[in-house]
Full PDB file with SEQRES, HELIX, SHEET, SSBOND, CRYST1, ORIGX, SCALE, CONECT and MASTER records, all heavy atoms in Angstrom:
SEQRES   1 A   36  ILE HIS HIS PHE THR GLY ARG TYR TYR GLN THR SER GLY          
SEQRES   2 A   36  SER CYS ASN THR GLY GLN CYS THR LEU PHE GLN ILE GLU          
SEQRES   3 A   36  THR ILE ASP GLN PRO ARG VAL SER GLU PRO                      
HELIX    1 AA1 SER A   14  ASN A   16  5                                   3    
SHEET    1 AA1 2 PHE A   4  SER A  12  0                                        
SHEET    2 AA1 2 GLN A  19  ILE A  28 -1                                        
CRYST1    1.000    1.000    1.000  90.00  90.00  90.00 P 1           1          
ORIGX1      1.000000  0.000000  0.000000        0.00000                         
ORIGX2      0.000000  1.000000  0.000000        0.00000                         
ORIGX3      0.000000  0.000000  1.000000        0.00000                         
SCALE1      1.000000  0.000000  0.000000        0.00000                         
SCALE2      0.000000  1.000000  0.000000        0.00000                         
SCALE3      0.000000  0.000000  1.000000        0.00000                         
ATOM      1  N   ILE A   1      89.295  31.906  24.630  1.00  0.00           N  
ATOM      2  CA  ILE A   1      88.644  32.371  25.855  1.00  0.00           C  
ATOM      3  C   ILE A   1      87.997  31.183  26.565  1.00  0.00           C  
ATOM      4  O   ILE A   1      87.300  30.382  25.950  1.00  0.00           O  
ATOM      5  CB  ILE A   1      87.600  33.457  25.559  1.00  0.00           C  
ATOM      6  CG1 ILE A   1      88.321  34.691  25.020  1.00  0.00           C  
ATOM      7  CG2 ILE A   1      86.801  33.801  26.810  1.00  0.00           C  
ATOM      8  CD1 ILE A   1      87.418  35.829  24.651  1.00  0.00           C  
ATOM      9  N   HIS A   2      88.254  31.092  27.856  1.00  0.00           N  
ATOM     10  CA  HIS A   2      87.720  30.021  28.696  1.00  0.00           C  
ATOM     11  C   HIS A   2      87.078  30.644  29.924  1.00  0.00           C  
ATOM     12  O   HIS A   2      87.367  31.787  30.287  1.00  0.00           O  
ATOM     13  CB  HIS A   2      88.836  29.060  29.132  1.00  0.00           C  
ATOM     14  CG  HIS A   2      89.498  28.387  27.991  1.00  0.00           C  
ATOM     15  ND1 HIS A   2      88.984  27.258  27.393  1.00  0.00           N  
ATOM     16  CD2 HIS A   2      90.635  28.695  27.310  1.00  0.00           C  
ATOM     17  CE1 HIS A   2      89.777  26.898  26.400  1.00  0.00           C  
ATOM     18  NE2 HIS A   2      90.781  27.750  26.332  1.00  0.00           N  
ATOM     19  N   HIS A   3      86.216  29.873  30.578  1.00  0.00           N  
ATOM     20  CA  HIS A   3      85.575  30.326  31.810  1.00  0.00           C  
ATOM     21  C   HIS A   3      86.231  29.602  32.989  1.00  0.00           C  
ATOM     22  O   HIS A   3      86.292  28.373  33.008  1.00  0.00           O  
ATOM     23  CB  HIS A   3      84.070  30.034  31.789  1.00  0.00           C  
ATOM     24  CG  HIS A   3      83.386  30.538  33.001  1.00  0.00           C  
ATOM     25  ND1 HIS A   3      83.100  31.867  33.190  1.00  0.00           N  
ATOM     26  CD2 HIS A   3      82.977  29.909  34.124  1.00  0.00           C  
ATOM     27  CE1 HIS A   3      82.532  32.017  34.358  1.00  0.00           C  
ATOM     28  NE2 HIS A   3      82.449  30.846  34.949  1.00  0.00           N  
ATOM     29  N   PHE A   4      86.721  30.370  33.951  1.00  0.00           N  
ATOM     30  CA  PHE A   4      87.438  29.832  35.104  1.00  0.00           C  
ATOM     31  C   PHE A   4      86.680  30.131  36.391  1.00  0.00           C  
ATOM     32  O   PHE A   4      86.121  31.215  36.549  1.00  0.00           O  
ATOM     33  CB  PHE A   4      88.824  30.472  35.228  1.00  0.00           C  
ATOM     34  CG  PHE A   4      89.676  30.301  34.012  1.00  0.00           C  
ATOM     35  CD1 PHE A   4      89.697  31.270  33.016  1.00  0.00           C  
ATOM     36  CD2 PHE A   4      90.456  29.171  33.854  1.00  0.00           C  
ATOM     37  CE1 PHE A   4      90.481  31.115  31.889  1.00  0.00           C  
ATOM     38  CE2 PHE A   4      91.246  29.005  32.732  1.00  0.00           C  
ATOM     39  CZ  PHE A   4      91.263  29.979  31.745  1.00  0.00           C  
ATOM     40  N   THR A   5      86.678  29.187  37.303  1.00  0.00           N  
ATOM     41  CA  THR A   5      86.226  29.450  38.662  1.00  0.00           C  
ATOM     42  C   THR A   5      87.345  29.024  39.599  1.00  0.00           C  
ATOM     43  O   THR A   5      88.136  28.125  39.287  1.00  0.00           O  
ATOM     44  CB  THR A   5      84.940  28.683  39.035  1.00  0.00           C  
ATOM     45  OG1 THR A   5      85.180  27.286  38.930  1.00  0.00           O  
ATOM     46  CG2 THR A   5      83.774  29.071  38.146  1.00  0.00           C  
ATOM     47  N   GLY A   6      87.416  29.672  40.725  1.00  0.00           N  
ATOM     48  CA  GLY A   6      88.452  29.335  41.695  1.00  0.00           C  
ATOM     49  C   GLY A   6      88.399  30.255  42.892  1.00  0.00           C  
ATOM     50  O   GLY A   6      87.419  30.963  43.106  1.00  0.00           O  
ATOM     51  N   ARG A   7      89.483  30.245  43.642  1.00  0.00           N  
ATOM     52  CA  ARG A   7      89.565  31.024  44.880  1.00  0.00           C  
ATOM     53  C   ARG A   7      90.968  31.602  45.014  1.00  0.00           C  
ATOM     54  O   ARG A   7      91.938  31.013  44.558  1.00  0.00           O  
ATOM     55  CB  ARG A   7      89.284  30.139  46.087  1.00  0.00           C  
ATOM     56  CG  ARG A   7      87.934  29.478  46.044  1.00  0.00           C  
ATOM     57  CD  ARG A   7      87.749  28.448  47.139  1.00  0.00           C  
ATOM     58  NE  ARG A   7      86.649  27.554  46.847  1.00  0.00           N  
ATOM     59  CZ  ARG A   7      85.362  27.863  46.908  1.00  0.00           C  
ATOM     60  NH1 ARG A   7      85.001  29.068  47.238  1.00  0.00           N  
ATOM     61  NH2 ARG A   7      84.430  26.989  46.632  1.00  0.00           N  
ATOM     62  N   TYR A   8      91.039  32.746  45.666  1.00  0.00           N  
ATOM     63  CA  TYR A   8      92.339  33.306  46.014  1.00  0.00           C  
ATOM     64  C   TYR A   8      92.867  32.614  47.258  1.00  0.00           C  
ATOM     65  O   TYR A   8      92.106  32.159  48.103  1.00  0.00           O  
ATOM     66  CB  TYR A   8      92.229  34.810  46.287  1.00  0.00           C  
ATOM     67  CG  TYR A   8      92.075  35.627  45.028  1.00  0.00           C  
ATOM     68  CD1 TYR A   8      90.866  36.202  44.703  1.00  0.00           C  
ATOM     69  CD2 TYR A   8      93.149  35.813  44.172  1.00  0.00           C  
ATOM     70  CE1 TYR A   8      90.725  36.959  43.559  1.00  0.00           C  
ATOM     71  CE2 TYR A   8      93.024  36.557  43.024  1.00  0.00           C  
ATOM     72  CZ  TYR A   8      91.803  37.134  42.721  1.00  0.00           C  
ATOM     73  OH  TYR A   8      91.665  37.872  41.586  1.00  0.00           O  
ATOM     74  N   TYR A   9      94.176  32.535  47.371  1.00  0.00           N  
ATOM     75  CA  TYR A   9      94.806  31.994  48.573  1.00  0.00           C  
ATOM     76  C   TYR A   9      96.102  32.739  48.840  1.00  0.00           C  
ATOM     77  O   TYR A   9      96.700  33.330  47.940  1.00  0.00           O  
ATOM     78  CB  TYR A   9      95.045  30.482  48.445  1.00  0.00           C  
ATOM     79  CG  TYR A   9      96.097  30.088  47.438  1.00  0.00           C  
ATOM     80  CD1 TYR A   9      97.399  29.817  47.847  1.00  0.00           C  
ATOM     81  CD2 TYR A   9      95.793  29.981  46.083  1.00  0.00           C  
ATOM     82  CE1 TYR A   9      98.380  29.452  46.934  1.00  0.00           C  
ATOM     83  CE2 TYR A   9      96.758  29.622  45.164  1.00  0.00           C  
ATOM     84  CZ  TYR A   9      98.049  29.355  45.588  1.00  0.00           C  
ATOM     85  OH  TYR A   9      99.013  29.005  44.675  1.00  0.00           O  
ATOM     86  N   GLN A  10      96.519  32.727  50.089  1.00  0.00           N  
ATOM     87  CA  GLN A  10      97.747  33.393  50.520  1.00  0.00           C  
ATOM     88  C   GLN A  10      98.884  32.382  50.565  1.00  0.00           C  
ATOM     89  O   GLN A  10      98.693  31.244  50.976  1.00  0.00           O  
ATOM     90  CB  GLN A  10      97.562  33.993  51.918  1.00  0.00           C  
ATOM     91  CG  GLN A  10      96.509  35.062  51.993  1.00  0.00           C  
ATOM     92  CD  GLN A  10      96.974  36.362  51.374  1.00  0.00           C  
ATOM     93  OE1 GLN A  10      98.118  36.761  51.547  1.00  0.00           O  
ATOM     94  NE2 GLN A  10      96.082  37.018  50.657  1.00  0.00           N  
ATOM     95  N   THR A  11     100.047  32.815  50.165  1.00  0.00           N  
ATOM     96  CA  THR A  11     101.247  31.990  50.224  1.00  0.00           C  
ATOM     97  C   THR A  11     102.454  32.903  50.357  1.00  0.00           C  
ATOM     98  O   THR A  11     102.336  34.125  50.199  1.00  0.00           O  
ATOM     99  CB  THR A  11     101.363  31.087  48.974  1.00  0.00           C  
ATOM    100  OG1 THR A  11     102.445  30.168  49.144  1.00  0.00           O  
ATOM    101  CG2 THR A  11     101.567  31.894  47.704  1.00  0.00           C  
ATOM    102  N   SER A  12     103.604  32.322  50.626  1.00  0.00           N  
ATOM    103  CA  SER A  12     104.814  33.139  50.707  1.00  0.00           C  
ATOM    104  C   SER A  12     105.411  33.312  49.318  1.00  0.00           C  
ATOM    105  O   SER A  12     105.169  32.521  48.412  1.00  0.00           O  
ATOM    106  CB  SER A  12     105.831  32.487  51.647  1.00  0.00           C  
ATOM    107  OG  SER A  12     106.176  31.210  51.171  1.00  0.00           O  
ATOM    108  N   GLY A  13     106.193  34.371  49.173  1.00  0.00           N  
ATOM    109  CA  GLY A  13     106.891  34.608  47.919  1.00  0.00           C  
ATOM    110  C   GLY A  13     108.080  33.661  47.785  1.00  0.00           C  
ATOM    111  O   GLY A  13     108.327  32.825  48.658  1.00  0.00           O  
ATOM    112  N   SER A  14     108.807  33.793  46.683  1.00  0.00           N  
ATOM    113  CA  SER A  14     109.969  32.923  46.490  1.00  0.00           C  
ATOM    114  C   SER A  14     110.971  33.131  47.620  1.00  0.00           C  
ATOM    115  O   SER A  14     111.023  34.191  48.231  1.00  0.00           O  
ATOM    116  CB  SER A  14     110.613  33.186  45.126  1.00  0.00           C  
ATOM    117  OG  SER A  14     111.044  34.517  45.041  1.00  0.00           O  
ATOM    118  N   CYS A  15     111.745  32.120  47.931  1.00  0.00           N  
ATOM    119  CA  CYS A  15     112.685  32.083  49.044  1.00  0.00           C  
ATOM    120  C   CYS A  15     111.947  32.211  50.386  1.00  0.00           C  
ATOM    121  O   CYS A  15     112.537  32.616  51.384  1.00  0.00           O  
ATOM    122  CB  CYS A  15     113.736  33.177  48.953  1.00  0.00           C  
ATOM    123  SG  CYS A  15     114.652  33.258  47.411  1.00  0.00           S  
ATOM    124  N   ASN A  16     110.631  31.918  50.392  1.00  0.00           N  
ATOM    125  CA  ASN A  16     109.800  32.057  51.589  1.00  0.00           C  
ATOM    126  C   ASN A  16     109.849  33.466  52.169  1.00  0.00           C  
ATOM    127  O   ASN A  16     109.820  33.666  53.372  1.00  0.00           O  
ATOM    128  CB  ASN A  16     110.183  31.027  52.649  1.00  0.00           C  
ATOM    129  CG  ASN A  16     109.783  29.640  52.223  1.00  0.00           C  
ATOM    130  OD1 ASN A  16     108.705  29.450  51.667  1.00  0.00           O  
ATOM    131  ND2 ASN A  16     110.646  28.671  52.465  1.00  0.00           N  
ATOM    132  N   THR A  17     109.943  34.456  51.268  1.00  0.00           N  
ATOM    133  CA  THR A  17     110.018  35.850  51.671  1.00  0.00           C  
ATOM    134  C   THR A  17     108.765  36.581  51.193  1.00  0.00           C  
ATOM    135  O   THR A  17     108.343  36.409  50.058  1.00  0.00           O  
ATOM    136  CB  THR A  17     111.260  36.528  51.043  1.00  0.00           C  
ATOM    137  OG1 THR A  17     112.407  35.789  51.417  1.00  0.00           O  
ATOM    138  CG2 THR A  17     111.394  37.958  51.494  1.00  0.00           C  
ATOM    139  N   GLY A  18     108.203  37.385  52.050  1.00  0.00           N  
ATOM    140  CA  GLY A  18     107.036  38.170  51.672  1.00  0.00           C  
ATOM    141  C   GLY A  18     105.764  37.339  51.649  1.00  0.00           C  
ATOM    142  O   GLY A  18     105.749  36.166  52.027  1.00  0.00           O  
ATOM    143  N   GLN A  19     104.689  37.974  51.204  1.00  0.00           N  
ATOM    144  CA  GLN A  19     103.399  37.301  51.132  1.00  0.00           C  
ATOM    145  C   GLN A  19     102.768  37.590  49.782  1.00  0.00           C  
ATOM    146  O   GLN A  19     102.833  38.704  49.276  1.00  0.00           O  
ATOM    147  CB  GLN A  19     102.481  37.782  52.255  1.00  0.00           C  
ATOM    148  CG  GLN A  19     101.203  37.003  52.339  1.00  0.00           C  
ATOM    149  CD  GLN A  19     100.403  37.369  53.580  1.00  0.00           C  
ATOM    150  OE1 GLN A  19     100.819  38.173  54.395  1.00  0.00           O  
ATOM    151  NE2 GLN A  19      99.235  36.787  53.699  1.00  0.00           N  
ATOM    152  N   CYS A  20     102.150  36.568  49.210  1.00  0.00           N  
ATOM    153  CA  CYS A  20     101.539  36.690  47.888  1.00  0.00           C  
ATOM    154  C   CYS A  20     100.095  36.211  47.937  1.00  0.00           C  
ATOM    155  O   CYS A  20      99.753  35.337  48.731  1.00  0.00           O  
ATOM    156  CB  CYS A  20     102.274  35.814  46.873  1.00  0.00           C  
ATOM    157  SG  CYS A  20     104.007  36.248  46.669  1.00  0.00           S  
ATOM    158  N   THR A  21      99.296  36.772  47.074  1.00  0.00           N  
ATOM    159  CA  THR A  21      97.936  36.305  46.878  1.00  0.00           C  
ATOM    160  C   THR A  21      97.846  35.788  45.450  1.00  0.00           C  
ATOM    161  O   THR A  21      98.056  36.535  44.497  1.00  0.00           O  
ATOM    162  CB  THR A  21      96.916  37.440  47.092  1.00  0.00           C  
ATOM    163  OG1 THR A  21      97.071  37.945  48.413  1.00  0.00           O  
ATOM    164  CG2 THR A  21      95.499  36.930  46.905  1.00  0.00           C  
ATOM    165  N   LEU A  22      97.605  34.493  45.323  1.00  0.00           N  
ATOM    166  CA  LEU A  22      97.515  33.850  44.018  1.00  0.00           C  
ATOM    167  C   LEU A  22      96.119  33.276  43.828  1.00  0.00           C  
ATOM    168  O   LEU A  22      95.353  33.141  44.778  1.00  0.00           O  
ATOM    169  CB  LEU A  22      98.562  32.736  43.899  1.00  0.00           C  
ATOM    170  CG  LEU A  22     100.019  33.162  44.049  1.00  0.00           C  
ATOM    171  CD1 LEU A  22     100.931  31.935  44.026  1.00  0.00           C  
ATOM    172  CD2 LEU A  22     100.415  34.144  42.972  1.00  0.00           C  
ATOM    173  N   PHE A  23      95.808  32.918  42.602  1.00  0.00           N  
ATOM    174  CA  PHE A  23      94.508  32.358  42.268  1.00  0.00           C  
ATOM    175  C   PHE A  23      94.647  30.859  42.036  1.00  0.00           C  
ATOM    176  O   PHE A  23      95.580  30.417  41.378  1.00  0.00           O  
ATOM    177  CB  PHE A  23      93.968  33.032  41.004  1.00  0.00           C  
ATOM    178  CG  PHE A  23      92.557  32.685  40.666  1.00  0.00           C  
ATOM    179  CD1 PHE A  23      91.508  33.110  41.461  1.00  0.00           C  
ATOM    180  CD2 PHE A  23      92.260  31.945  39.541  1.00  0.00           C  
ATOM    181  CE1 PHE A  23      90.196  32.811  41.138  1.00  0.00           C  
ATOM    182  CE2 PHE A  23      90.949  31.634  39.204  1.00  0.00           C  
ATOM    183  CZ  PHE A  23      89.916  32.069  40.006  1.00  0.00           C  
ATOM    184  N   GLN A  24      93.743  30.093  42.601  1.00  0.00           N  
ATOM    185  CA  GLN A  24      93.713  28.643  42.416  1.00  0.00           C  
ATOM    186  C   GLN A  24      92.526  28.305  41.516  1.00  0.00           C  
ATOM    187  O   GLN A  24      91.385  28.557  41.876  1.00  0.00           O  
ATOM    188  CB  GLN A  24      93.549  27.943  43.757  1.00  0.00           C  
ATOM    189  CG  GLN A  24      93.403  26.442  43.640  1.00  0.00           C  
ATOM    190  CD  GLN A  24      93.403  25.819  45.009  1.00  0.00           C  
ATOM    191  OE1 GLN A  24      94.443  25.696  45.625  1.00  0.00           O  
ATOM    192  NE2 GLN A  24      92.234  25.433  45.484  1.00  0.00           N  
ATOM    193  N   ILE A  25      92.790  27.743  40.347  1.00  0.00           N  
ATOM    194  CA  ILE A  25      91.722  27.367  39.421  1.00  0.00           C  
ATOM    195  C   ILE A  25      91.114  26.054  39.882  1.00  0.00           C  
ATOM    196  O   ILE A  25      91.820  25.078  40.109  1.00  0.00           O  
ATOM    197  CB  ILE A  25      92.255  27.235  37.984  1.00  0.00           C  
ATOM    198  CG1 ILE A  25      92.717  28.595  37.471  1.00  0.00           C  
ATOM    199  CG2 ILE A  25      91.193  26.629  37.065  1.00  0.00           C  
ATOM    200  CD1 ILE A  25      93.379  28.558  36.112  1.00  0.00           C  
ATOM    201  N   GLU A  26      89.793  26.054  40.016  1.00  0.00           N  
ATOM    202  CA  GLU A  26      89.083  24.847  40.430  1.00  0.00           C  
ATOM    203  C   GLU A  26      88.356  24.190  39.261  1.00  0.00           C  
ATOM    204  O   GLU A  26      88.302  22.971  39.187  1.00  0.00           O  
ATOM    205  CB  GLU A  26      88.129  25.176  41.572  1.00  0.00           C  
ATOM    206  CG  GLU A  26      88.890  25.605  42.809  1.00  0.00           C  
ATOM    207  CD  GLU A  26      88.001  26.025  43.954  1.00  0.00           C  
ATOM    208  OE1 GLU A  26      86.766  26.123  43.783  1.00  0.00           O  
ATOM    209  OE2 GLU A  26      88.543  26.268  45.040  1.00  0.00           O  
ATOM    210  N   THR A  27      87.762  24.979  38.378  1.00  0.00           N  
ATOM    211  CA  THR A  27      87.097  24.416  37.197  1.00  0.00           C  
ATOM    212  C   THR A  27      87.378  25.290  35.983  1.00  0.00           C  
ATOM    213  O   THR A  27      87.633  26.490  36.099  1.00  0.00           O  
ATOM    214  CB  THR A  27      85.561  24.319  37.368  1.00  0.00           C  
ATOM    215  OG1 THR A  27      85.016  25.634  37.457  1.00  0.00           O  
ATOM    216  CG2 THR A  27      85.181  23.504  38.592  1.00  0.00           C  
ATOM    217  N   ILE A  28      87.309  24.647  34.821  1.00  0.00           N  
ATOM    218  CA  ILE A  28      87.472  25.349  33.547  1.00  0.00           C  
ATOM    219  C   ILE A  28      86.327  24.930  32.634  1.00  0.00           C  
ATOM    220  O   ILE A  28      86.079  23.734  32.447  1.00  0.00           O  
ATOM    221  CB  ILE A  28      88.819  25.000  32.878  1.00  0.00           C  
ATOM    222  CG1 ILE A  28      89.988  25.351  33.803  1.00  0.00           C  
ATOM    223  CG2 ILE A  28      88.957  25.705  31.530  1.00  0.00           C  
ATOM    224  CD1 ILE A  28      91.318  24.823  33.335  1.00  0.00           C  
ATOM    225  N   ASP A  29      85.643  25.926  32.088  1.00  0.00           N  
ATOM    226  CA  ASP A  29      84.577  25.707  31.105  1.00  0.00           C  
ATOM    227  C   ASP A  29      83.466  24.779  31.589  1.00  0.00           C  
ATOM    228  O   ASP A  29      82.893  24.031  30.809  1.00  0.00           O  
ATOM    229  CB  ASP A  29      85.154  25.184  29.782  1.00  0.00           C  
ATOM    230  CG  ASP A  29      86.071  26.196  29.127  1.00  0.00           C  
ATOM    231  OD1 ASP A  29      85.863  27.403  29.327  1.00  0.00           O  
ATOM    232  OD2 ASP A  29      86.998  25.785  28.412  1.00  0.00           O  
ATOM    233  N   GLN A  30      83.154  24.835  32.874  1.00  0.00           N  
ATOM    234  CA  GLN A  30      82.043  24.052  33.414  1.00  0.00           C  
ATOM    235  C   GLN A  30      80.764  24.868  33.301  1.00  0.00           C  
ATOM    236  O   GLN A  30      80.793  26.082  33.510  1.00  0.00           O  
ATOM    237  CB  GLN A  30      82.291  23.701  34.881  1.00  0.00           C  
ATOM    238  CG  GLN A  30      83.449  22.763  35.087  1.00  0.00           C  
ATOM    239  CD  GLN A  30      83.200  21.405  34.477  1.00  0.00           C  
ATOM    240  OE1 GLN A  30      82.142  20.823  34.653  1.00  0.00           O  
ATOM    241  NE2 GLN A  30      84.166  20.905  33.741  1.00  0.00           N  
ATOM    242  N   PRO A  31      79.645  24.212  32.967  1.00  0.00           N  
ATOM    243  CA  PRO A  31      78.386  24.960  32.911  1.00  0.00           C  
ATOM    244  C   PRO A  31      78.057  25.559  34.276  1.00  0.00           C  
ATOM    245  O   PRO A  31      78.290  24.918  35.304  1.00  0.00           O  
ATOM    246  CB  PRO A  31      77.340  23.907  32.529  1.00  0.00           C  
ATOM    247  CG  PRO A  31      78.065  22.654  32.267  1.00  0.00           C  
ATOM    248  CD  PRO A  31      79.488  22.813  32.690  1.00  0.00           C  
ATOM    249  N   ARG A  32      77.533  26.773  34.247  1.00  0.00           N  
ATOM    250  CA  ARG A  32      77.168  27.425  35.496  1.00  0.00           C  
ATOM    251  C   ARG A  32      75.802  26.962  35.943  1.00  0.00           C  
ATOM    252  O   ARG A  32      74.877  26.868  35.150  1.00  0.00           O  
ATOM    253  CB  ARG A  32      77.156  28.934  35.304  1.00  0.00           C  
ATOM    254  CG  ARG A  32      78.556  29.430  34.965  1.00  0.00           C  
ATOM    255  CD  ARG A  32      78.650  30.861  35.149  1.00  0.00           C  
ATOM    256  NE  ARG A  32      78.421  31.156  36.556  1.00  0.00           N  
ATOM    257  CZ  ARG A  32      78.634  32.319  37.086  1.00  0.00           C  
ATOM    258  NH1 ARG A  32      79.053  33.290  36.353  1.00  0.00           N  
ATOM    259  NH2 ARG A  32      78.399  32.534  38.362  1.00  0.00           N  
ATOM    260  N   VAL A  33      75.701  26.658  37.203  1.00  0.00           N  
ATOM    261  CA  VAL A  33      74.429  26.244  37.792  1.00  0.00           C  
ATOM    262  C   VAL A  33      73.954  27.415  38.657  1.00  0.00           C  
ATOM    263  O   VAL A  33      74.682  27.870  39.546  1.00  0.00           O  
ATOM    264  CB  VAL A  33      74.594  24.978  38.656  1.00  0.00           C  
ATOM    265  CG1 VAL A  33      73.288  24.616  39.319  1.00  0.00           C  
ATOM    266  CG2 VAL A  33      75.135  23.841  37.810  1.00  0.00           C  
ATOM    267  N   SER A  34      72.762  27.888  38.389  1.00  0.00           N  
ATOM    268  CA  SER A  34      72.275  29.027  39.142  1.00  0.00           C  
ATOM    269  C   SER A  34      71.923  28.624  40.573  1.00  0.00           C  
ATOM    270  O   SER A  34      71.536  27.494  40.835  1.00  0.00           O  
ATOM    271  CB  SER A  34      71.053  29.648  38.458  1.00  0.00           C  
ATOM    272  OG  SER A  34      70.025  28.704  38.380  1.00  0.00           O  
ATOM    273  N   GLU A  35      72.062  29.587  41.451  1.00  0.00           N  
ATOM    274  CA  GLU A  35      71.731  29.375  42.858  1.00  0.00           C  
ATOM    275  C   GLU A  35      70.213  29.228  42.986  1.00  0.00           C  
ATOM    276  O   GLU A  35      69.456  29.904  42.285  1.00  0.00           O  
ATOM    277  CB  GLU A  35      72.191  30.570  43.683  1.00  0.00           C  
ATOM    278  CG  GLU A  35      73.692  30.771  43.681  1.00  0.00           C  
ATOM    279  CD  GLU A  35      74.404  29.775  44.566  1.00  0.00           C  
ATOM    280  OE1 GLU A  35      73.837  29.366  45.595  1.00  0.00           O  
ATOM    281  OE2 GLU A  35      75.532  29.407  44.222  1.00  0.00           O  
ATOM    282  N   PRO A  36      69.760  28.374  43.864  1.00  0.00           N  
ATOM    283  CA  PRO A  36      68.303  28.257  44.048  1.00  0.00           C  
ATOM    284  C   PRO A  36      67.747  29.540  44.673  1.00  0.00           C  
ATOM    285  O   PRO A  36      68.418  30.182  45.473  1.00  0.00           O  
ATOM    286  CB  PRO A  36      68.158  27.081  45.006  1.00  0.00           C  
ATOM    287  CG  PRO A  36      69.462  26.949  45.675  1.00  0.00           C  
ATOM    288  CD  PRO A  36      70.505  27.477  44.727  1.00  0.00           C  
TER     289      PRO A  36                                                      
MASTER        0    0    0    1    2    0    0    6  288    1    0    3          
END                                                                             
C-alpha cells in the first residue's frame, strides 16, 4: 500500500477516438503537509 497524490486529466482514447479521464500521479509516499 502506497499513498498517491495527483490530478485527473482529459485525453483522447486509443486511435484518437473518444474521450478519457485518466489519473496523473504527482507524488508517491510523500509526507502530508497540513494546510495553514
